[in-house]
Amino acid sequence: MKRPPEIKINQFQLAVLLNGEQKKFFEMVIAENVFCSHCGGICKKGMTINEMFLTDLNDILVKGTCNICKGKVARTMEFGEEKEFYDKAIDFRNSIRDKT
């Protein structure tokens, strides 16, 4: 079975996909749990988000820069394993496909 394509999403689309608990988790990860290979550790002041994607596994991939050194960083959050999120992601994909 062919996997669905990766889709670039914006902040509004992310807010529609995530429930309250997931939003809190997302914000905590961005602020306190992104590794920067340039600094050699966690981005102590978080990261600035440049792009977000709904991956082929219905996870969220965030790409951006470390708020300390401005090095490129990325973080994947595995929301696709949760049935509620997975179903929302499939509905979102179908709504995008229907508009094209």
PDB file of N, CA and C in Angstrom:
ATOM      1  N   MET A   1       0.839  -1.180   0.000  1.00  0.00           N
ATOM      2  CA  MET A   1       0.000   0.000   0.000  1.00  0.00           C
ATOM      3  C   MET A   1       0.881   1.240   0.000  1.00  0.00           C
ATOM      4  N   LYS A   2       0.554   2.173  -0.848  1.00  0.00           N
ATOM      5  CA  LYS A   2       1.318   3.406  -0.991  1.00  0.00           C
ATOM      6  C   LYS A   2       1.021   4.349   0.174  1.00  0.00           C
ATOM      7  N   ARG A   3       2.069   4.940   0.731  1.00  0.00           N
ATOM      8  CA  ARG A   3       1.898   5.908   1.813  1.00  0.00           C
ATOM      9  C   ARG A   3       1.429   7.244   1.242  1.00  0.00           C
ATOM     10  N   PRO A   4       0.663   7.995   2.040  1.00  0.00           N
ATOM     11  CA  PRO A   4       0.231   9.317   1.577  1.00  0.00           C
ATOM     12  C   PRO A   4       1.417  10.286   1.551  1.00  0.00           C
ATOM     13  N   PRO A   5       1.334  11.336   0.760  1.00  0.00           N
ATOM     14  CA  PRO A   5       2.458  12.269   0.672  1.00  0.00           C
ATOM     15  C   PRO A   5       2.581  13.142   1.927  1.00  0.00           C
ATOM     16  N   GLU A   6       3.770  13.688   2.110  1.00  0.00           N
ATOM     17  CA  GLU A   6       3.986  14.664   3.171  1.00  0.00           C
ATOM     18  C   GLU A   6       3.311  15.970   2.733  1.00  0.00           C
ATOM     19  N   ILE A   7       2.628  16.636   3.659  1.00  0.00           N
ATOM     20  CA  ILE A   7       1.889  17.857   3.344  1.00  0.00           C
ATOM     21  C   ILE A   7       2.400  18.995   4.226  1.00  0.00           C
ATOM     22  N   LYS A   8       2.747  20.115   3.621  1.00  0.00           N
ATOM     23  CA  LYS A   8       3.131  21.295   4.388  1.00  0.00           C
ATOM     24  C   LYS A   8       1.868  21.879   5.014  1.00  0.00           C
ATOM     25  N   ILE A   9       1.935  22.213   6.313  1.00  0.00           N
ATOM     26  CA  ILE A   9       0.778  22.770   7.009  1.00  0.00           C
ATOM     27  C   ILE A   9       1.158  24.088   7.671  1.00  0.00           C
ATOM     28  N   ASN A  10       0.129  24.882   7.996  1.00  0.00           N
ATOM     29  CA  ASN A  10       0.357  26.150   8.681  1.00  0.00           C
ATOM     30  C   ASN A  10      -0.139  26.064  10.120  1.00  0.00           C
ATOM     31  N   GLN A  11       0.012  27.141  10.873  1.00  0.00           N
ATOM     32  CA  GLN A  11      -0.376  27.152  12.289  1.00  0.00           C
ATOM     33  C   GLN A  11      -1.869  26.879  12.473  1.00  0.00           C
ATOM     34  N   PHE A  12      -2.701  27.450  11.606  1.00  0.00           N
ATOM     35  CA  PHE A  12      -4.145  27.223  11.708  1.00  0.00           C
ATOM     36  C   PHE A  12      -4.481  25.751  11.498  1.00  0.00           C
ATOM     37  N   GLN A  13      -3.914  25.145  10.490  1.00  0.00           N
ATOM     38  CA  GLN A  13      -4.168  23.732  10.214  1.00  0.00           C
ATOM     39  C   GLN A  13      -3.668  22.858  11.364  1.00  0.00           C
ATOM     40  N   LEU A  14      -2.524  23.209  11.949  1.00  0.00           N
ATOM     41  CA  LEU A  14      -2.023  22.465  13.100  1.00  0.00           C
ATOM     42  C   LEU A  14      -3.013  22.564  14.263  1.00  0.00           C
ATOM     43  N   ALA A  15      -3.542  23.755  14.495  1.00  0.00           N
ATOM     44  CA  ALA A  15      -4.489  23.961  15.595  1.00  0.00           C
ATOM     45  C   ALA A  15      -5.764  23.145  15.398  1.00  0.00           C
ATOM     46  N   VAL A  16      -6.173  22.954  14.167  1.00  0.00           N
ATOM     47  CA  VAL A  16      -7.355  22.141  13.880  1.00  0.00           C
ATOM     48  C   VAL A  16      -7.065  20.660  14.160  1.00  0.00           C
ATOM     49  N   LEU A  17      -5.864  20.228  13.852  1.00  0.00           N
ATOM     50  CA  LEU A  17      -5.501  18.812  14.020  1.00  0.00           C
ATOM     51  C   LEU A  17      -5.287  18.408  15.484  1.00  0.00           C
ATOM     52  N   LEU A  18      -4.751  19.320  16.294  1.00  0.00           N
ATOM     53  CA  LEU A  18      -4.389  18.976  17.669  1.00  0.00           C
ATOM     54  C   LEU A  18      -5.516  19.295  18.649  1.00  0.00           C
ATOM     55  N   ASN A  19      -5.693  18.415  19.638  1.00  0.00           N
ATOM     56  CA  ASN A  19      -6.623  18.730  20.728  1.00  0.00           C
ATOM     57  C   ASN A  19      -5.849  19.512  21.797  1.00  0.00           C
ATOM     58  N   GLY A  20      -6.519  19.905  22.869  1.00  0.00           N
ATOM     59  CA  GLY A  20      -5.892  20.733  23.897  1.00  0.00           C
ATOM     60  C   GLY A  20      -4.656  20.124  24.522  1.00  0.00           C
ATOM     61  N   GLU A  21      -4.730  18.858  24.878  1.00  0.00           N
ATOM     62  CA  GLU A  21      -3.587  18.173  25.486  1.00  0.00           C
ATOM     63  C   GLU A  21      -2.418  18.082  24.503  1.00  0.00           C
ATOM     64  N   GLN A  22      -2.718  17.785  23.244  1.00  0.00           N
ATOM     65  CA  GLN A  22      -1.675  17.684  22.223  1.00  0.00           C
ATOM     66  C   GLN A  22      -1.025  19.038  21.972  1.00  0.00           C
ATOM     67  N   LYS A  23      -1.807  20.121  22.009  1.00  0.00           N
ATOM     68  CA  LYS A  23      -1.261  21.476  21.826  1.00  0.00           C
ATOM     69  C   LYS A  23      -0.273  21.804  22.937  1.00  0.00           C
ATOM     70  N   LYS A  24      -0.639  21.469  24.183  1.00  0.00           N
ATOM     71  CA  LYS A  24       0.264  21.716  25.311  1.00  0.00           C
ATOM     72  C   LYS A  24       1.555  20.927  25.143  1.00  0.00           C
ATOM     73  N   PHE A  25       1.442  19.663  24.739  1.00  0.00           N
ATOM     74  CA  PHE A  25       2.618  18.829  24.503  1.00  0.00           C
ATOM     75  C   PHE A  25       3.483  19.436  23.404  1.00  0.00           C
ATOM     76  N   PHE A  26       2.860  19.833  22.289  1.00  0.00           N
ATOM     77  CA  PHE A  26       3.572  20.431  21.160  1.00  0.00           C
ATOM     78  C   PHE A  26       4.359  21.659  21.616  1.00  0.00           C
ATOM     79  N   GLU A  27       3.693  22.557  22.345  1.00  0.00           N
ATOM     80  CA  GLU A  27       4.344  23.786  22.796  1.00  0.00           C
ATOM     81  C   GLU A  27       5.497  23.495  23.758  1.00  0.00           C
ATOM     82  N   MET A  28       5.321  22.510  24.647  1.00  0.00           N
ATOM     83  CA  MET A  28       6.373  22.138  25.584  1.00  0.00           C
ATOM     84  C   MET A  28       7.587  21.583  24.840  1.00  0.00           C
ATOM     85  N   VAL A  29       7.341  20.745  23.849  1.00  0.00           N
ATOM     86  CA  VAL A  29       8.451  20.165  23.082  1.00  0.00           C
ATOM     87  C   VAL A  29       9.216  21.259  22.351  1.00  0.00           C
ATOM     88  N   ILE A  30       8.513  22.175  21.701  1.00  0.00           N
ATOM     89  CA  ILE A  30       9.166  23.262  20.954  1.00  0.00           C
ATOM     90  C   ILE A  30       9.996  24.142  21.893  1.00  0.00           C
ATOM     91  N   ALA A  31       9.482  24.378  23.092  1.00  0.00           N
ATOM     92  CA  ALA A  31      10.164  25.258  24.046  1.00  0.00           C
ATOM     93  C   ALA A  31      11.311  24.573  24.789  1.00  0.00           C
ATOM     94  N   GLU A  32      11.209  23.251  25.022  1.00  0.00           N
ATOM     95  CA  GLU A  32      12.143  22.621  25.950  1.00  0.00           C
ATOM     96  C   GLU A  32      12.758  21.299  25.504  1.00  0.00           C
ATOM     97  N   ASN A  33      12.434  20.805  24.308  1.00  0.00           N
ATOM     98  CA  ASN A  33      12.879  19.452  23.988  1.00  0.00           C
ATOM     99  C   ASN A  33      13.244  19.282  22.514  1.00  0.00           C
ATOM    100  N   VAL A  34      14.026  20.216  21.991  1.00  0.00           N
ATOM    101  CA  VAL A  34      14.528  20.111  20.622  1.00  0.00           C
ATOM    102  C   VAL A  34      16.051  20.109  20.709  1.00  0.00           C
ATOM    103  N   PHE A  35      16.677  19.111  20.107  1.00  0.00           N
ATOM    104  CA  PHE A  35      18.134  18.989  20.133  1.00  0.00           C
ATOM    105  C   PHE A  35      18.754  19.828  19.031  1.00  0.00           C
ATOM    106  N   CYS A  36      19.805  20.554  19.373  1.00  0.00           N
ATOM    107  CA  CYS A  36      20.556  21.344  18.389  1.00  0.00           C
ATOM    108  C   CYS A  36      21.959  20.764  18.274  1.00  0.00           C
ATOM    109  N   SER A  37      22.301  20.262  17.105  1.00  0.00           N
ATOM    110  CA  SER A  37      23.627  19.663  16.910  1.00  0.00           C
ATOM    111  C   SER A  37      24.720  20.732  16.919  1.00  0.00           C
ATOM    112  N   HIS A  38      24.353  21.974  16.618  1.00  0.00           N
ATOM    113  CA  HIS A  38      25.340  23.055  16.623  1.00  0.00           C
ATOM    114  C   HIS A  38      25.731  23.433  18.059  1.00  0.00           C
ATOM    115  N   CYS A  39      24.739  23.530  18.945  1.00  0.00           N
ATOM    116  CA  CYS A  39      24.991  23.850  20.362  1.00  0.00           C
ATOM    117  C   CYS A  39      25.462  22.609  21.129  1.00  0.00           C
ATOM    118  N   GLY A  40      25.125  21.432  20.610  1.00  0.00           N
ATOM    119  CA  GLY A  40      25.508  20.194  21.268  1.00  0.00           C
ATOM    120  C   GLY A  40      24.578  19.800  22.405  1.00  0.00           C
ATOM    121  N   GLY A  41      23.366  20.291  22.375  1.00  0.00           N
ATOM    122  CA  GLY A  41      22.403  19.948  23.421  1.00  0.00           C
ATOM    123  C   GLY A  41      21.027  20.482  23.080  1.00  0.00           C
ATOM    124  N   ILE A  42      20.199  20.524  24.097  1.00  0.00           N
ATOM    125  CA  ILE A  42      18.831  21.009  23.929  1.00  0.00           C
ATOM    126  C   ILE A  42      18.840  22.502  23.641  1.00  0.00           C
ATOM    127  N   CYS A  43      17.947  22.956  22.766  1.00  0.00           N
ATOM    128  CA  CYS A  43      17.764  24.390  22.507  1.00  0.00           C
ATOM    129  C   CYS A  43      17.193  25.008  23.778  1.00  0.00           C
ATOM    130  N   LYS A  44      18.041  25.600  24.600  1.00  0.00           N
ATOM    131  CA  LYS A  44      17.629  26.074  25.923  1.00  0.00           C
ATOM    132  C   LYS A  44      16.603  27.196  25.867  1.00  0.00           C
ATOM    133  N   LYS A  45      16.547  27.900  24.769  1.00  0.00           N
ATOM    134  CA  LYS A  45      15.545  28.965  24.612  1.00  0.00           C
ATOM    135  C   LYS A  45      14.521  28.602  23.545  1.00  0.00           C
ATOM    136  N   GLY A  46      14.403  27.306  23.267  1.00  0.00           N
ATOM    137  CA  GLY A  46      13.428  26.833  22.290  1.00  0.00           C
ATOM    138  C   GLY A  46      13.887  27.025  20.865  1.00  0.00           C
ATOM    139  N   MET A  47      12.932  26.893  19.961  1.00  0.00           N
ATOM    140  CA  MET A  47      13.228  27.032  18.535  1.00  0.00           C
ATOM    141  C   MET A  47      12.210  27.949  17.880  1.00  0.00           C
ATOM    142  N   THR A  48      12.604  28.533  16.765  1.00  0.00           N
ATOM    143  CA  THR A  48      11.693  29.302  15.928  1.00  0.00           C
ATOM    144  C   THR A  48      11.252  28.391  14.799  1.00  0.00           C
ATOM    145  N   ILE A  49       9.950  28.248  14.638  1.00  0.00           N
ATOM    146  CA  ILE A  49       9.408  27.362  13.610  1.00  0.00           C
ATOM    147  C   ILE A  49       9.401  28.077  12.265  1.00  0.00           C
ATOM    148  N   ASN A  50       9.962  27.423  11.255  1.00  0.00           N
ATOM    149  CA  ASN A  50       9.947  27.937   9.883  1.00  0.00           C
ATOM    150  C   ASN A  50       8.951  27.186   9.007  1.00  0.00           C
ATOM    151  N   GLU A  51       8.864  25.857   9.210  1.00  0.00           N
ATOM    152  CA  GLU A  51       7.971  25.023   8.405  1.00  0.00           C
ATOM    153  C   GLU A  51       7.435  23.881   9.251  1.00  0.00           C
ATOM    154  N   MET A  52       6.215  23.454   8.906  1.00  0.00           N
ATOM    155  CA  MET A  52       5.630  22.281   9.562  1.00  0.00           C
ATOM    156  C   MET A  52       5.033  21.383   8.489  1.00  0.00           C
ATOM    157  N   PHE A  53       5.082  20.083   8.741  1.00  0.00           N
ATOM    158  CA  PHE A  53       4.579  19.109   7.782  1.00  0.00           C
ATOM    159  C   PHE A  53       3.783  18.025   8.496  1.00  0.00           C
ATOM    160  N   LEU A  54       2.756  17.546   7.830  1.00  0.00           N
ATOM    161  CA  LEU A  54       2.070  16.320   8.217  1.00  0.00           C
ATOM    162  C   LEU A  54       2.768  15.235   7.408  1.00  0.00           C
ATOM    163  N   THR A  55       3.478  14.350   8.091  1.00  0.00           N
ATOM    164  CA  THR A  55       4.304  13.355   7.396  1.00  0.00           C
ATOM    165  C   THR A  55       3.457  12.225   6.810  1.00  0.00           C
ATOM    166  N   ASP A  56       4.119  11.363   6.082  1.00  0.00           N
ATOM    167  CA  ASP A  56       3.436  10.209   5.480  1.00  0.00           C
ATOM    168  C   ASP A  56       2.906   9.240   6.528  1.00  0.00           C
ATOM    169  N   LEU A  57       3.395   9.332   7.771  1.00  0.00           N
ATOM    170  CA  LEU A  57       2.903   8.489   8.864  1.00  0.00           C
ATOM    171  C   LEU A  57       1.900   9.239   9.744  1.00  0.00           C
ATOM    172  N   ASN A  58       1.474  10.415   9.289  1.00  0.00           N
ATOM    173  CA  ASN A  58       0.556  11.298  10.026  1.00  0.00           C
ATOM    174  C   ASN A  58       1.155  11.773  11.350  1.00  0.00           C
ATOM    175  N   ASP A  59       2.455  11.983  11.355  1.00  0.00           N
ATOM    176  CA  ASP A  59       3.133  12.639  12.462  1.00  0.00           C
ATOM    177  C   ASP A  59       3.363  14.096  12.066  1.00  0.00           C
ATOM    178  N   ILE A  60       3.787  14.906  13.025  1.00  0.00           N
ATOM    179  CA  ILE A  60       4.083  16.308  12.742  1.00  0.00           C
ATOM    180  C   ILE A  60       5.592  16.497  12.735  1.00  0.00           C
ATOM    181  N   LEU A  61       6.120  17.024  11.631  1.00  0.00           N
ATOM    182  CA  LEU A  61       7.533  17.354  11.492  1.00  0.00           C
ATOM    183  C   LEU A  61       7.654  18.872  11.504  1.00  0.00           C
ATOM    184  N   VAL A  62       8.490  19.380  12.408  1.00  0.00           N
ATOM    185  CA  VAL A  62       8.706  20.814  12.530  1.00  0.00           C
ATOM    186  C   VAL A  62      10.161  21.109  12.191  1.00  0.00           C
ATOM    187  N   LYS A  63      10.382  22.088  11.312  1.00  0.00           N
ATOM    188  CA  LYS A  63      11.743  22.510  10.950  1.00  0.00           C
ATOM    189  C   LYS A  63      11.879  23.986  11.297  1.00  0.00           C
ATOM    190  N   GLY A  64      13.056  24.352  11.798  1.00  0.00           N
ATOM    191  CA  GLY A  64      13.262  25.741  12.166  1.00  0.00           C
ATOM    192  C   GLY A  64      14.686  26.004  12.575  1.00  0.00           C
ATOM    193  N   THR A  65      14.848  26.989  13.473  1.00  0.00           N
ATOM    194  CA  THR A  65      16.172  27.376  13.926  1.00  0.00           C
ATOM    195  C   THR A  65      16.221  27.453  15.448  1.00  0.00           C
ATOM    196  N   CYS A  66      17.383  27.143  15.979  1.00  0.00           N
ATOM    197  CA  CYS A  66      17.652  27.251  17.418  1.00  0.00           C
ATOM    198  C   CYS A  66      17.619  28.737  17.787  1.00  0.00           C
ATOM    199  N   ASN A  67      16.951  29.059  18.882  1.00  0.00           N
ATOM    200  CA  ASN A  67      16.861  30.456  19.300  1.00  0.00           C
ATOM    201  C   ASN A  67      18.156  30.983  19.914  1.00  0.00           C
ATOM    202  N   ILE A  68      19.153  30.126  20.123  1.00  0.00           N
ATOM    203  CA  ILE A  68      20.434  30.576  20.666  1.00  0.00           C
ATOM    204  C   ILE A  68      21.450  30.798  19.543  1.00  0.00           C
ATOM    205  N   CYS A  69      21.724  29.744  18.762  1.00  0.00           N
ATOM    206  CA  CYS A  69      22.793  29.833  17.751  1.00  0.00           C
ATOM    207  C   CYS A  69      22.275  30.047  16.329  1.00  0.00           C
ATOM    208  N   LYS A  70      20.961  29.962  16.150  1.00  0.00           N
ATOM    209  CA  LYS A  70      20.314  30.103  14.827  1.00  0.00           C
ATOM    210  C   LYS A  70      20.635  28.954  13.878  1.00  0.00           C
ATOM    211  N   GLY A  71      21.154  27.839  14.429  1.00  0.00           N
ATOM    212  CA  GLY A  71      21.409  26.647  13.625  1.00  0.00           C
ATOM    213  C   GLY A  71      20.101  25.967  13.247  1.00  0.00           C
ATOM    214  N   LYS A  72      20.128  25.218  12.171  1.00  0.00           N
ATOM    215  CA  LYS A  72      18.932  24.504  11.723  1.00  0.00           C
ATOM    216  C   LYS A  72      18.637  23.335  12.654  1.00  0.00           C
ATOM    217  N   VAL A  73      17.347  23.201  13.016  1.00  0.00           N
ATOM    218  CA  VAL A  73      16.899  22.102  13.867  1.00  0.00           C
ATOM    219  C   VAL A  73      15.599  21.540  13.296  1.00  0.00           C
ATOM    220  N   ALA A  74      15.276  20.330  13.699  1.00  0.00           N
ATOM    221  CA  ALA A  74      14.022  19.693  13.284  1.00  0.00           C
ATOM    222  C   ALA A  74      13.569  18.762  14.403  1.00  0.00           C
ATOM    223  N   ARG A  75      12.268  18.568  14.482  1.00  0.00           N
ATOM    224  CA  ARG A  75      11.721  17.676  15.515  1.00  0.00           C
ATOM    225  C   ARG A  75      10.470  17.019  14.960  1.00  0.00           C
ATOM    226  N   THR A  76      10.366  15.707  15.119  1.00  0.00           N
ATOM    227  CA  THR A  76       9.171  14.972  14.735  1.00  0.00           C
ATOM    228  C   THR A  76       8.419  14.588  15.996  1.00  0.00           C
ATOM    229  N   MET A  77       7.117  14.821  15.974  1.00  0.00           N
ATOM    230  CA  MET A  77       6.249  14.427  17.084  1.00  0.00           C
ATOM    231  C   MET A  77       5.294  13.364  16.582  1.00  0.00           C
ATOM    232  N   GLU A  78       5.318  12.218  17.212  1.00  0.00           N
ATOM    233  CA  GLU A  78       4.598  11.041  16.724  1.00  0.00           C
ATOM    234  C   GLU A  78       3.145  11.023  17.198  1.00  0.00           C
ATOM    235  N   PHE A  79       2.363  11.929  16.646  1.00  0.00           N
ATOM    236  CA  PHE A  79       0.935  11.970  16.953  1.00  0.00           C
ATOM    237  C   PHE A  79       0.159  10.925  16.160  1.00  0.00           C
ATOM    238  N   GLY A  80       0.702  10.468  15.044  1.00  0.00           N
ATOM    239  CA  GLY A  80       0.006   9.543  14.154  1.00  0.00           C
ATOM    240  C   GLY A  80      -0.329   8.206  14.790  1.00  0.00           C
ATOM    241  N   GLU A  81       0.318   7.876  15.899  1.00  0.00           N
ATOM    242  CA  GLU A  81       0.041   6.621  16.594  1.00  0.00           C
ATOM    243  C   GLU A  81      -1.275   6.677  17.374  1.00  0.00           C
ATOM    244  N   GLU A  82      -1.759   7.910  17.642  1.00  0.00           N
ATOM    245  CA  GLU A  82      -3.006   8.081  18.388  1.00  0.00           C
ATOM    246  C   GLU A  82      -4.175   8.038  17.414  1.00  0.00           C
ATOM    247  N   LYS A  83      -5.137   7.172  17.667  1.00  0.00           N
ATOM    248  CA  LYS A  83      -6.261   6.974  16.747  1.00  0.00           C
ATOM    249  C   LYS A  83      -7.026   8.271  16.467  1.00  0.00           C
ATOM    250  N   GLU A  84      -7.303   9.050  17.504  1.00  0.00           N
ATOM    251  CA  GLU A  84      -8.049  10.308  17.314  1.00  0.00           C
ATOM    252  C   GLU A  84      -7.318  11.234  16.346  1.00  0.00           C
ATOM    253  N   PHE A  85      -6.012  11.402  16.556  1.00  0.00           N
ATOM    254  CA  PHE A  85      -5.230  12.262  15.672  1.00  0.00           C
ATOM    255  C   PHE A  85      -5.145  11.667  14.278  1.00  0.00           C
ATOM    256  N   TYR A  86      -4.902  10.380  14.189  1.00  0.00           N
ATOM    257  CA  TYR A  86      -4.792   9.705  12.897  1.00  0.00           C
ATOM    258  C   TYR A  86      -6.060   9.925  12.074  1.00  0.00           C
ATOM    259  N   ASP A  87      -7.229   9.756  12.712  1.00  0.00           N
ATOM    260  CA  ASP A  87      -8.497   9.949  12.009  1.00  0.00           C
ATOM    261  C   ASP A  87      -8.663  11.395  11.545  1.00  0.00           C
ATOM    262  N   LYS A  88      -8.280  12.358  12.402  1.00  0.00           N
ATOM    263  CA  LYS A  88      -8.344  13.772  12.007  1.00  0.00           C
ATOM    264  C   LYS A  88      -7.416  14.044  10.821  1.00  0.00           C
ATOM    265  N   ALA A  89      -6.234  13.440  10.863  1.00  0.00           N
ATOM    266  CA  ALA A  89      -5.257  13.640   9.787  1.00  0.00           C
ATOM    267  C   ALA A  89      -5.789  13.086   8.462  1.00  0.00           C
ATOM    268  N   ILE A  90      -6.427  11.929   8.506  1.00  0.00           N
ATOM    269  CA  ILE A  90      -7.007  11.344   7.291  1.00  0.00           C
ATOM    270  C   ILE A  90      -8.126  12.239   6.763  1.00  0.00           C
ATOM    271  N   ASP A  91      -8.989  12.740   7.646  1.00  0.00           N
ATOM    272  CA  ASP A  91     -10.053  13.660   7.239  1.00  0.00           C
ATOM    273  C   ASP A  91      -9.458  14.929   6.622  1.00  0.00           C
ATOM    274  N   PHE A  92      -8.389  15.440   7.227  1.00  0.00           N
ATOM    275  CA  PHE A  92      -7.719  16.623   6.706  1.00  0.00           C
ATOM    276  C   PHE A  92      -7.163  16.355   5.309  1.00  0.00           C
ATOM    277  N   ARG A  93      -6.502  15.229   5.154  1.00  0.00           N
ATOM    278  CA  ARG A  93      -5.960  14.870   3.839  1.00  0.00           C
ATOM    279  C   ARG A  93      -7.067  14.785   2.790  1.00  0.00           C
ATOM    280  N   ASN A  94      -8.191  14.171   3.171  1.00  0.00           N
ATOM    281  CA  ASN A  94      -9.314  14.045   2.233  1.00  0.00           C
ATOM    282  C   ASN A  94      -9.884  15.412   1.877  1.00  0.00           C
ATOM    283  N   SER A  95      -9.968  16.310   2.836  1.00  0.00           N
ATOM    284  CA  SER A  95     -10.507  17.651   2.556  1.00  0.00           C
ATOM    285  C   SER A  95      -9.582  18.445   1.635  1.00  0.00           C
ATOM    286  N   ILE A  96      -8.290  18.254   1.782  1.00  0.00           N
ATOM    287  CA  ILE A  96      -7.305  18.909   0.889  1.00  0.00           C
ATOM    288  C   ILE A  96      -7.435  18.335  -0.527  1.00  0.00           C
ATOM    289  N   ARG A  97      -7.518  17.020  -0.599  1.00  0.00           N
ATOM    290  CA  ARG A  97      -7.619  16.353  -1.896  1.00  0.00           C
ATOM    291  C   ARG A  97      -8.893  16.766  -2.628  1.00  0.00           C
ATOM    292  N   ASP A  98      -9.987  16.922  -1.888  1.00  0.00           N
ATOM    293  CA  ASP A  98     -11.265  17.287  -2.497  1.00  0.00           C
ATOM    294  C   ASP A  98     -11.256  18.687  -3.088  1.00  0.00           C
ATOM    295  N   LYS A  99     -10.371  19.560  -2.580  1.00  0.00           N
ATOM    296  CA  LYS A  99     -10.308  20.944  -3.050  1.00  0.00           C
ATOM    297  C   LYS A  99      -9.390  21.113  -4.248  1.00  0.00           C
ATOM    298  N   THR A 100      -8.623  20.085  -4.568  1.00  0.00           N
ATOM    299  CA  THR A 100      -7.681  20.229  -5.699  1.00  0.00           C
ATOM    300  C   THR A 100      -8.252  19.623  -6.959  1.00  0.00           C
TER     301      THR A 100
END
